[in-house]
Each structure stands twice: as structure tokens, then as C-alpha cells.
């Protein structure tokens, strides 16, 4: 992990299936970029939220 990274929960729709995936990134924008690089343009990102610590 890099300095300043947090865990974000990304809710996305891929091939008609809604998935929630944890992503480590510095900002929600970077989390969206990581998802687009991994799944390509066919994935639709529904929401990006910071994961709450217990």
C-alpha cells in the first residue's frame, strides 16, 4: 500500500450483474480508474464509498 491509501467499496454493474468490490486507492477518482482499467468500458460504476472502520 502507498501512503494515504484508503479502502473504497465500489458498487458496479458488469454484464447485468451488480457487484461490490473493495479497492485500495487514494481517492474515489483513483478507485474508479482502477475499476475501469480492470473491467474496461463495459462496466457501469454505480457508487464509490469509503469503507467504515469497525
Protein backbone atom coordinates (compact mmCIF):
# COMPACT_ATOMS: atom_id res chain seq x y z
CA UNK A 1 0.00 0.00 0.00
CA UNK A 2 1.05 3.53 -0.68
CA UNK A 3 0.97 6.32 1.85
CA UNK A 4 -2.50 7.85 2.21
CA UNK A 5 -4.47 4.99 0.65
CA UNK A 6 -7.91 4.03 1.95
CA UNK A 7 -10.27 1.20 1.18
CA UNK A 8 -13.25 2.10 -1.02
CA UNK A 9 -16.27 -0.07 -1.77
CA UNK A 10 -17.17 0.19 -5.44
CA UNK A 11 -20.66 -0.89 -6.48
CA UNK A 12 -20.70 -1.70 -10.19
CA UNK A 13 -22.73 -3.47 -12.83
CA UNK A 14 -20.83 -5.85 -15.11
CA UNK A 15 -22.72 -7.88 -17.73
CA UNK A 16 -26.04 -7.24 -15.96
CA UNK A 17 -24.76 -8.42 -12.55
CA UNK A 18 -24.37 -5.93 -9.68
CA UNK A 19 -21.15 -6.48 -7.71
CA UNK A 20 -19.47 -4.76 -4.73
CA UNK A 21 -15.69 -4.84 -4.80
CA UNK A 22 -13.19 -3.38 -2.29
CA UNK A 23 -10.46 -1.25 -3.90
CA UNK A 24 -7.47 0.45 -2.24
CA UNK A 25 -6.83 3.93 -3.61
CA UNK A 26 -6.00 7.47 -2.50
CA UNK A 27 -9.28 8.98 -3.75
CA UNK A 28 -12.66 7.88 -5.15
CA UNK A 29 -11.49 9.08 -8.58
CA UNK A 30 -8.49 6.76 -8.48
CA UNK A 31 -10.74 3.88 -7.36
CA UNK A 32 -12.94 4.45 -10.44
CA UNK A 33 -9.85 4.49 -12.68
CA UNK A 34 -8.65 1.17 -11.24
CA UNK A 35 -12.05 -0.45 -11.90
CA UNK A 36 -12.15 0.87 -15.49
CA UNK A 37 -8.64 -0.46 -16.15
CA UNK A 38 -9.55 -3.89 -14.78
CA UNK A 39 -13.05 -4.33 -16.27
CA UNK A 40 -12.95 -1.99 -19.27
CA UNK A 41 -15.60 0.37 -20.55
CA UNK A 42 -18.45 -2.15 -20.38
CA UNK A 43 -18.64 -1.86 -16.58
CA UNK A 44 -21.02 0.74 -15.17
CA UNK A 45 -19.92 2.19 -11.82
CA UNK A 46 -22.94 2.86 -9.60
CA UNK A 47 -21.30 4.23 -6.44
CA UNK A 48 -17.98 4.62 -4.63
CA UNK A 49 -18.00 4.90 -0.83
CA UNK A 50 -15.24 4.90 1.77
CA UNK A 51 -15.25 1.75 3.90
CA UNK A 52 -16.02 2.43 7.57
CA UNK A 53 -13.63 1.01 10.14
CA UNK A 54 -15.18 -1.16 12.85
